């Protein structure tokens, strides 16, 4: 325990970061990248910092229900991760899974299913069928079909 209520402290910590990230606009991101260039940061560290900022911004927009912006930033992060890490890297597949969730929340079920299938295939290839993230993908697809069926009934 961290003293007090751990869940509340963690939530407040994460919310503080999300509020900061939600304030970044695309021009601010470009300014951020330029400042990294001027500070002569190790190129690998610079790329990692920039990618983390793009990824976190996508997550912040998702958490705020701003799905179009979440897709824009998420696809940008995904492209950068595919380029630097590869298409079947666990981090790349995690971002692809987030994109699937966005499409599902938008009601774009055929697109969501395509992304969920991509993530499951990638995780099976990279990690094996019984690895926890692969099983999470199976669970996500099962929940997707359950949710879609419930929406169709109403």
N, C-alpha and C. Protein backbone atom coordinates (compact mmCIF):
# COMPACT_ATOMS: atom_id res chain seq x y z
N UNK A 1 0.83 -1.19 0.00
CA UNK A 1 0.00 0.00 0.00
C UNK A 1 0.86 1.24 0.00
N UNK A 2 0.35 2.29 -0.58
CA UNK A 2 1.07 3.54 -0.70
C UNK A 2 0.63 4.55 0.35
N UNK A 3 -0.12 4.14 1.33
CA UNK A 3 -0.68 5.07 2.31
C UNK A 3 -1.99 5.62 1.77
N UNK A 4 -3.01 5.64 2.57
CA UNK A 4 -4.30 6.12 2.08
C UNK A 4 -4.94 5.06 1.20
N UNK A 5 -5.78 5.52 0.30
CA UNK A 5 -6.46 4.61 -0.62
C UNK A 5 -5.65 4.53 -1.91
N UNK A 6 -5.01 3.40 -2.17
CA UNK A 6 -4.15 3.29 -3.35
C UNK A 6 -4.88 3.55 -4.66
N UNK A 7 -6.10 3.03 -4.80
CA UNK A 7 -6.82 3.22 -6.06
C UNK A 7 -7.09 4.70 -6.33
N UNK A 8 -7.41 5.45 -5.29
CA UNK A 8 -7.67 6.88 -5.45
C UNK A 8 -6.40 7.62 -5.83
N UNK A 9 -5.29 7.29 -5.19
CA UNK A 9 -4.02 7.94 -5.52
C UNK A 9 -3.60 7.65 -6.95
N UNK A 10 -3.73 6.39 -7.36
CA UNK A 10 -3.36 6.02 -8.71
C UNK A 10 -4.26 6.73 -9.71
N UNK A 11 -5.57 6.72 -9.44
CA UNK A 11 -6.51 7.39 -10.35
C UNK A 11 -6.17 8.87 -10.48
N UNK A 12 -5.90 9.54 -9.37
CA UNK A 12 -5.57 10.96 -9.41
C UNK A 12 -4.27 11.20 -10.17
N UNK A 13 -3.29 10.33 -9.99
CA UNK A 13 -2.03 10.46 -10.69
C UNK A 13 -2.24 10.33 -12.20
N UNK A 14 -2.99 9.30 -12.60
CA UNK A 14 -3.24 9.07 -14.02
C UNK A 14 -4.07 10.22 -14.60
N UNK A 15 -5.08 10.67 -13.88
CA UNK A 15 -5.92 11.77 -14.37
C UNK A 15 -5.10 13.04 -14.58
N UNK A 16 -4.15 13.29 -13.70
CA UNK A 16 -3.29 14.46 -13.87
C UNK A 16 -2.51 14.38 -15.17
N UNK A 17 -1.98 13.20 -15.47
CA UNK A 17 -1.25 13.02 -16.73
C UNK A 17 -2.18 13.16 -17.92
N UNK A 18 -3.36 12.59 -17.84
CA UNK A 18 -4.30 12.65 -18.96
C UNK A 18 -4.73 14.09 -19.23
N UNK A 19 -4.94 14.87 -18.18
CA UNK A 19 -5.30 16.27 -18.37
C UNK A 19 -4.18 17.04 -19.06
N UNK A 20 -2.95 16.76 -18.68
CA UNK A 20 -1.82 17.41 -19.33
C UNK A 20 -1.73 17.01 -20.79
N UNK A 21 -1.89 15.72 -21.06
CA UNK A 21 -1.76 15.24 -22.43
C UNK A 21 -2.89 15.74 -23.32
N UNK A 22 -4.08 15.86 -22.78
CA UNK A 22 -5.22 16.31 -23.58
C UNK A 22 -5.03 17.74 -24.06
N UNK A 23 -4.15 18.49 -23.43
CA UNK A 23 -3.92 19.88 -23.82
C UNK A 23 -2.97 19.99 -25.01
N UNK A 24 -2.29 18.89 -25.39
CA UNK A 24 -1.38 18.93 -26.52
C UNK A 24 -2.16 18.97 -27.81
N UNK A 25 -1.85 19.90 -28.66
CA UNK A 25 -2.39 19.92 -30.01
C UNK A 25 -1.27 19.48 -30.94
N UNK A 26 -1.60 19.25 -32.21
CA UNK A 26 -0.59 18.83 -33.16
C UNK A 26 0.56 19.83 -33.25
N UNK A 27 0.31 21.17 -33.34
CA UNK A 27 1.45 22.10 -33.36
C UNK A 27 2.31 21.99 -32.10
N UNK A 28 1.69 21.75 -30.94
CA UNK A 28 2.47 21.60 -29.72
C UNK A 28 3.33 20.35 -29.79
N UNK A 29 2.83 19.29 -30.40
CA UNK A 29 3.62 18.07 -30.55
C UNK A 29 4.83 18.36 -31.43
N UNK A 30 4.64 19.12 -32.50
CA UNK A 30 5.76 19.46 -33.38
C UNK A 30 6.78 20.31 -32.61
N UNK A 31 6.31 21.25 -31.79
CA UNK A 31 7.23 22.03 -30.95
C UNK A 31 7.99 21.13 -30.00
N UNK A 32 7.29 20.14 -29.43
CA UNK A 32 7.92 19.19 -28.52
C UNK A 32 9.03 18.42 -29.24
N UNK A 33 8.73 17.94 -30.45
CA UNK A 33 9.74 17.20 -31.22
C UNK A 33 10.94 18.09 -31.53
N UNK A 34 10.69 19.36 -31.91
CA UNK A 34 11.78 20.28 -32.21
C UNK A 34 12.64 20.53 -30.97
N UNK A 35 12.01 20.66 -29.81
CA UNK A 35 12.78 20.89 -28.59
C UNK A 35 13.66 19.69 -28.27
N UNK A 36 13.16 18.48 -28.56
CA UNK A 36 14.00 17.30 -28.36
C UNK A 36 15.20 17.33 -29.28
N UNK A 37 14.99 17.77 -30.52
CA UNK A 37 16.10 17.87 -31.47
C UNK A 37 17.16 18.84 -30.95
N UNK A 38 16.73 20.00 -30.44
CA UNK A 38 17.67 21.03 -29.97
C UNK A 38 18.44 20.56 -28.74
N UNK A 39 17.82 19.73 -27.93
CA UNK A 39 18.48 19.29 -26.69
C UNK A 39 19.46 18.15 -26.91
N UNK A 40 19.66 17.74 -28.14
CA UNK A 40 20.61 16.70 -28.50
C UNK A 40 20.39 15.42 -27.69
N UNK A 41 19.14 14.98 -27.66
CA UNK A 41 18.79 13.75 -26.97
C UNK A 41 19.20 12.57 -27.86
N UNK A 42 19.58 11.47 -27.24
CA UNK A 42 19.89 10.26 -27.97
C UNK A 42 18.72 9.94 -28.90
N UNK A 43 18.98 9.66 -30.20
CA UNK A 43 17.88 9.43 -31.15
C UNK A 43 16.90 8.35 -30.71
N UNK A 44 17.38 7.27 -30.12
CA UNK A 44 16.47 6.23 -29.65
C UNK A 44 15.58 6.72 -28.52
N UNK A 45 16.16 7.50 -27.63
CA UNK A 45 15.39 8.06 -26.51
C UNK A 45 14.39 9.08 -27.04
N UNK A 46 14.79 9.89 -28.01
CA UNK A 46 13.89 10.89 -28.59
C UNK A 46 12.69 10.21 -29.23
N UNK A 47 12.96 9.18 -30.03
CA UNK A 47 11.88 8.48 -30.70
C UNK A 47 10.95 7.85 -29.67
N UNK A 48 11.51 7.26 -28.64
CA UNK A 48 10.72 6.63 -27.60
C UNK A 48 9.85 7.65 -26.87
N UNK A 49 10.42 8.81 -26.54
CA UNK A 49 9.66 9.86 -25.84
C UNK A 49 8.54 10.40 -26.72
N UNK A 50 8.85 10.64 -27.98
CA UNK A 50 7.85 11.16 -28.90
C UNK A 50 6.73 10.14 -29.11
N UNK A 51 7.10 8.87 -29.29
CA UNK A 51 6.11 7.82 -29.49
C UNK A 51 5.23 7.66 -28.26
N UNK A 52 5.83 7.71 -27.09
CA UNK A 52 5.04 7.60 -25.85
C UNK A 52 4.05 8.76 -25.74
N UNK A 53 4.48 9.96 -26.12
CA UNK A 53 3.59 11.11 -26.04
C UNK A 53 2.41 10.95 -27.01
N UNK A 54 2.68 10.48 -28.23
CA UNK A 54 1.61 10.27 -29.21
C UNK A 54 0.66 9.19 -28.70
N UNK A 55 1.21 8.09 -28.20
CA UNK A 55 0.42 6.99 -27.68
C UNK A 55 -0.45 7.45 -26.50
N UNK A 56 0.14 8.19 -25.58
CA UNK A 56 -0.61 8.67 -24.41
C UNK A 56 -1.69 9.68 -24.80
N UNK A 57 -1.41 10.49 -25.81
CA UNK A 57 -2.41 11.45 -26.28
C UNK A 57 -3.60 10.71 -26.87
N UNK A 58 -3.33 9.67 -27.65
CA UNK A 58 -4.42 8.85 -28.21
C UNK A 58 -5.26 8.26 -27.08
N UNK A 59 -4.61 7.76 -26.05
CA UNK A 59 -5.33 7.18 -24.91
C UNK A 59 -6.16 8.23 -24.18
N UNK A 60 -5.60 9.43 -24.05
CA UNK A 60 -6.33 10.51 -23.37
C UNK A 60 -7.60 10.86 -24.13
N UNK A 61 -7.50 10.97 -25.45
CA UNK A 61 -8.69 11.27 -26.26
C UNK A 61 -9.71 10.14 -26.16
N UNK A 62 -9.24 8.90 -26.16
CA UNK A 62 -10.14 7.76 -26.02
C UNK A 62 -10.89 7.83 -24.68
N UNK A 63 -10.16 8.08 -23.62
CA UNK A 63 -10.77 8.14 -22.29
C UNK A 63 -11.77 9.28 -22.16
N UNK A 64 -11.58 10.33 -22.96
CA UNK A 64 -12.51 11.46 -22.96
C UNK A 64 -13.68 11.25 -23.91
N UNK A 65 -13.69 10.13 -24.63
CA UNK A 65 -14.77 9.86 -25.58
C UNK A 65 -14.63 10.61 -26.89
N UNK A 66 -13.46 11.17 -27.15
CA UNK A 66 -13.21 11.89 -28.40
C UNK A 66 -12.59 10.89 -29.38
N UNK A 67 -13.45 10.04 -29.95
CA UNK A 67 -12.98 8.89 -30.70
C UNK A 67 -12.29 9.24 -32.02
N UNK A 68 -12.75 10.28 -32.71
CA UNK A 68 -12.09 10.65 -33.96
C UNK A 68 -10.64 11.08 -33.70
N UNK A 69 -10.44 11.87 -32.67
CA UNK A 69 -9.08 12.29 -32.32
C UNK A 69 -8.27 11.11 -31.82
N UNK A 70 -8.91 10.22 -31.07
CA UNK A 70 -8.21 9.03 -30.60
C UNK A 70 -7.74 8.18 -31.77
N UNK A 71 -8.58 8.05 -32.80
CA UNK A 71 -8.18 7.30 -33.99
C UNK A 71 -7.02 7.97 -34.72
N UNK A 72 -7.11 9.28 -34.86
CA UNK A 72 -6.05 10.03 -35.55
C UNK A 72 -4.70 9.81 -34.87
N UNK A 73 -4.68 10.03 -33.56
CA UNK A 73 -3.43 9.89 -32.81
C UNK A 73 -3.02 8.42 -32.69
N UNK A 74 -4.01 7.54 -32.52
CA UNK A 74 -3.72 6.12 -32.40
C UNK A 74 -3.12 5.54 -33.67
N UNK A 75 -3.65 5.93 -34.80
CA UNK A 75 -3.10 5.44 -36.07
C UNK A 75 -1.71 6.00 -36.31
N UNK A 76 -1.48 7.22 -35.87
CA UNK A 76 -0.13 7.79 -35.99
C UNK A 76 0.85 7.01 -35.11
N UNK A 77 0.44 6.73 -33.87
CA UNK A 77 1.29 5.95 -32.97
C UNK A 77 1.52 4.55 -33.53
N UNK A 78 0.46 3.94 -34.08
CA UNK A 78 0.59 2.61 -34.65
C UNK A 78 1.59 2.60 -35.80
N UNK A 79 1.51 3.58 -36.68
CA UNK A 79 2.44 3.63 -37.82
C UNK A 79 3.89 3.76 -37.34
N UNK A 80 4.09 4.59 -36.33
CA UNK A 80 5.45 4.77 -35.78
C UNK A 80 5.93 3.49 -35.11
N UNK A 81 5.04 2.80 -34.39
CA UNK A 81 5.41 1.55 -33.73
C UNK A 81 5.71 0.45 -34.75
N UNK A 82 4.89 0.36 -35.79
CA UNK A 82 5.15 -0.64 -36.83
C UNK A 82 6.51 -0.41 -37.46
N UNK A 83 6.83 0.85 -37.70
CA UNK A 83 8.10 1.19 -38.34
C UNK A 83 9.29 0.88 -37.42
N UNK A 84 9.16 1.23 -36.15
CA UNK A 84 10.31 1.08 -35.25
C UNK A 84 10.35 -0.28 -34.54
N UNK A 85 9.20 -0.90 -34.29
CA UNK A 85 9.17 -2.13 -33.52
C UNK A 85 8.78 -3.36 -34.32
N UNK A 86 8.02 -3.17 -35.39
CA UNK A 86 7.52 -4.28 -36.20
C UNK A 86 6.03 -4.50 -35.98
N UNK A 87 5.40 -5.16 -36.94
CA UNK A 87 3.93 -5.29 -36.89
C UNK A 87 3.44 -6.25 -35.82
N UNK A 88 4.26 -7.19 -35.40
CA UNK A 88 3.82 -8.17 -34.40
C UNK A 88 4.43 -7.94 -33.02
N UNK A 89 5.02 -6.78 -32.81
CA UNK A 89 5.57 -6.46 -31.49
C UNK A 89 4.41 -6.26 -30.51
N UNK A 90 4.54 -6.71 -29.27
CA UNK A 90 3.45 -6.55 -28.30
C UNK A 90 2.94 -5.10 -28.16
N UNK A 91 3.82 -4.11 -28.16
CA UNK A 91 3.37 -2.72 -28.05
C UNK A 91 2.55 -2.30 -29.26
N UNK A 92 2.99 -2.73 -30.44
CA UNK A 92 2.26 -2.42 -31.66
C UNK A 92 0.87 -3.04 -31.60
N UNK A 93 0.80 -4.28 -31.17
CA UNK A 93 -0.49 -4.97 -31.10
C UNK A 93 -1.40 -4.38 -30.02
N UNK A 94 -0.82 -3.85 -28.97
CA UNK A 94 -1.63 -3.19 -27.94
C UNK A 94 -2.30 -1.94 -28.53
N UNK A 95 -1.56 -1.16 -29.32
CA UNK A 95 -2.15 0.01 -29.95
C UNK A 95 -3.22 -0.41 -30.95
N UNK A 96 -2.97 -1.47 -31.71
CA UNK A 96 -3.98 -1.97 -32.65
C UNK A 96 -5.25 -2.37 -31.90
N UNK A 97 -5.08 -2.96 -30.72
CA UNK A 97 -6.24 -3.34 -29.91
C UNK A 97 -7.02 -2.11 -29.46
N UNK A 98 -6.31 -1.05 -29.11
CA UNK A 98 -6.98 0.20 -28.72
C UNK A 98 -7.79 0.76 -29.88
N UNK A 99 -7.24 0.65 -31.08
CA UNK A 99 -7.96 1.13 -32.27
C UNK A 99 -9.23 0.30 -32.47
N UNK A 100 -9.14 -1.01 -32.25
CA UNK A 100 -10.33 -1.87 -32.34
C UNK A 100 -11.40 -1.41 -31.36
N UNK A 101 -10.99 -1.09 -30.13
CA UNK A 101 -11.94 -0.62 -29.12
C UNK A 101 -12.62 0.68 -29.57
N UNK A 102 -11.85 1.57 -30.17
CA UNK A 102 -12.43 2.84 -30.65
C UNK A 102 -13.50 2.55 -31.69
N UNK A 103 -13.17 1.72 -32.67
CA UNK A 103 -14.15 1.40 -33.71
C UNK A 103 -15.39 0.75 -33.11
N UNK A 104 -15.20 -0.12 -32.13
CA UNK A 104 -16.36 -0.75 -31.49
C UNK A 104 -17.22 0.30 -30.79
N UNK A 105 -16.58 1.21 -30.07
CA UNK A 105 -17.34 2.25 -29.37
C UNK A 105 -18.07 3.20 -30.33
N UNK A 106 -17.56 3.32 -31.54
CA UNK A 106 -18.21 4.14 -32.55
C UNK A 106 -19.33 3.39 -33.27
N UNK A 107 -19.46 2.10 -33.00
CA UNK A 107 -20.47 1.29 -33.68
C UNK A 107 -20.02 0.82 -35.06
N UNK A 108 -18.74 0.95 -35.37
CA UNK A 108 -18.19 0.48 -36.65
C UNK A 108 -17.70 -0.96 -36.46
N UNK A 109 -18.67 -1.87 -36.38
CA UNK A 109 -18.38 -3.23 -35.96
C UNK A 109 -17.53 -4.03 -36.94
N UNK A 110 -17.73 -3.83 -38.23
CA UNK A 110 -16.92 -4.61 -39.18
C UNK A 110 -15.46 -4.18 -39.10
N UNK A 111 -15.21 -2.87 -38.94
CA UNK A 111 -13.83 -2.41 -38.78
C UNK A 111 -13.24 -2.91 -37.45
N UNK A 112 -14.03 -2.83 -36.40
CA UNK A 112 -13.55 -3.31 -35.09
C UNK A 112 -13.16 -4.77 -35.17
N UNK A 113 -13.99 -5.58 -35.81
CA UNK A 113 -13.70 -7.00 -35.92
C UNK A 113 -12.41 -7.25 -36.70
N UNK A 114 -12.20 -6.49 -37.79
CA UNK A 114 -10.96 -6.63 -38.55
C UNK A 114 -9.75 -6.38 -37.66
N UNK A 115 -9.81 -5.33 -36.82
CA UNK A 115 -8.69 -4.98 -35.95
C UNK A 115 -8.51 -6.03 -34.84
N UNK A 116 -9.62 -6.49 -34.25
CA UNK A 116 -9.52 -7.53 -33.23
C UNK A 116 -8.88 -8.80 -33.81
N UNK A 117 -9.28 -9.17 -35.03
CA UNK A 117 -8.71 -10.36 -35.67
C UNK A 117 -7.22 -10.17 -35.94
N UNK A 118 -6.85 -8.98 -36.38
CA UNK A 118 -5.43 -8.68 -36.63
C UNK A 118 -4.61 -8.84 -35.36
N UNK A 119 -5.14 -8.29 -34.25
CA UNK A 119 -4.42 -8.37 -32.98
C UNK A 119 -4.29 -9.82 -32.53
N UNK A 120 -5.37 -10.57 -32.61
CA UNK A 120 -5.33 -11.97 -32.18
C UNK A 120 -4.32 -12.76 -33.02
N UNK A 121 -4.34 -12.59 -34.32
CA UNK A 121 -3.40 -13.31 -35.19
C UNK A 121 -1.96 -12.92 -34.87
N UNK A 122 -1.72 -11.64 -34.67
CA UNK A 122 -0.37 -11.17 -34.35
C UNK A 122 0.13 -11.70 -33.02
N UNK A 123 -0.75 -11.71 -32.03
CA UNK A 123 -0.34 -12.21 -30.71
C UNK A 123 -0.12 -13.72 -30.73
N UNK A 124 -0.96 -14.44 -31.47
CA UNK A 124 -0.74 -15.89 -31.58
C UNK A 124 0.61 -16.16 -32.24
N UNK A 125 0.93 -15.40 -33.27
CA UNK A 125 2.20 -15.58 -33.99
C UNK A 125 3.39 -15.21 -33.11
N UNK A 126 3.31 -14.08 -32.43
CA UNK A 126 4.45 -13.58 -31.67
C UNK A 126 4.59 -14.23 -30.29
N UNK A 127 3.46 -14.55 -29.66
CA UNK A 127 3.51 -14.98 -28.26
C UNK A 127 3.04 -16.41 -28.01
N UNK A 128 2.27 -16.95 -28.94
CA UNK A 128 1.70 -18.28 -28.75
C UNK A 128 0.25 -18.20 -28.30
N UNK A 129 -0.45 -19.29 -28.49
CA UNK A 129 -1.90 -19.32 -28.25
C UNK A 129 -2.27 -19.22 -26.77
N UNK A 130 -1.39 -19.63 -25.87
CA UNK A 130 -1.74 -19.67 -24.44
C UNK A 130 -1.13 -18.53 -23.64
N UNK A 131 -0.53 -17.56 -24.30
CA UNK A 131 0.10 -16.43 -23.59
C UNK A 131 -0.99 -15.46 -23.11
N UNK A 132 -0.85 -14.88 -21.91
CA UNK A 132 -1.90 -14.00 -21.38
C UNK A 132 -2.40 -12.90 -22.33
N UNK A 133 -1.54 -12.12 -23.01
CA UNK A 133 -2.10 -11.13 -23.94
C UNK A 133 -2.90 -11.76 -25.09
N UNK A 134 -2.50 -12.96 -25.54
CA UNK A 134 -3.27 -13.65 -26.58
C UNK A 134 -4.64 -14.02 -26.04
N UNK A 135 -4.67 -14.53 -24.82
CA UNK A 135 -5.95 -14.88 -24.20
C UNK A 135 -6.81 -13.64 -23.97
N UNK A 136 -6.17 -12.49 -23.68
CA UNK A 136 -6.92 -11.23 -23.57
C UNK A 136 -7.59 -10.90 -24.90
N UNK A 137 -6.89 -11.16 -26.00
CA UNK A 137 -7.46 -10.90 -27.32
C UNK A 137 -8.67 -11.80 -27.58
N UNK A 138 -8.58 -13.06 -27.17
CA UNK A 138 -9.72 -13.96 -27.31
C UNK A 138 -10.90 -13.43 -26.48
N UNK A 139 -10.61 -12.99 -25.26
CA UNK A 139 -11.66 -12.42 -24.39
C UNK A 139 -12.27 -11.18 -25.04
N UNK A 140 -11.43 -10.29 -25.58
CA UNK A 140 -11.93 -9.07 -26.22
C UNK A 140 -12.87 -9.40 -27.38
N UNK A 141 -12.51 -10.41 -28.17
CA UNK A 141 -13.38 -10.79 -29.28
C UNK A 141 -14.69 -11.38 -28.77
N UNK A 142 -14.62 -12.18 -27.72
CA UNK A 142 -15.85 -12.75 -27.15
C UNK A 142 -16.75 -11.64 -26.64
N UNK A 143 -16.18 -10.69 -25.90
CA UNK A 143 -16.97 -9.56 -25.41
C UNK A 143 -17.53 -8.72 -26.55
N UNK A 144 -16.76 -8.57 -27.61
CA UNK A 144 -17.22 -7.84 -28.79
C UNK A 144 -18.49 -8.48 -29.33
N UNK A 145 -18.48 -9.81 -29.51
CA UNK A 145 -19.66 -10.50 -30.05
C UNK A 145 -20.84 -10.44 -29.09
N UNK A 146 -20.58 -10.54 -27.79
CA UNK A 146 -21.65 -10.43 -26.80
C UNK A 146 -22.27 -9.04 -26.84
N UNK A 147 -21.43 -8.00 -26.82
CA UNK A 147 -21.93 -6.62 -26.85
C UNK A 147 -22.69 -6.33 -28.14
N UNK A 148 -22.16 -6.79 -29.25
CA UNK A 148 -22.82 -6.55 -30.54
C UNK A 148 -24.19 -7.22 -30.57
N UNK A 149 -24.29 -8.42 -30.05
CA UNK A 149 -25.56 -9.14 -30.01
C UNK A 149 -26.57 -8.42 -29.11
N UNK A 150 -26.11 -7.92 -27.96
CA UNK A 150 -27.02 -7.20 -27.05
C UNK A 150 -27.52 -5.92 -27.69
N UNK A 151 -26.66 -5.21 -28.38
CA UNK A 151 -27.06 -3.98 -29.06
C UNK A 151 -28.08 -4.30 -30.15
N UNK A 152 -27.87 -5.38 -30.87
CA UNK A 152 -28.78 -5.78 -31.96
C UNK A 152 -30.16 -6.12 -31.42
N UNK A 153 -30.23 -6.71 -30.23
CA UNK A 153 -31.53 -7.11 -29.64
C UNK A 153 -32.36 -5.90 -29.21
N UNK A 154 -31.71 -4.79 -28.90
CA UNK A 154 -32.45 -3.62 -28.37
C UNK A 154 -32.82 -2.70 -29.45
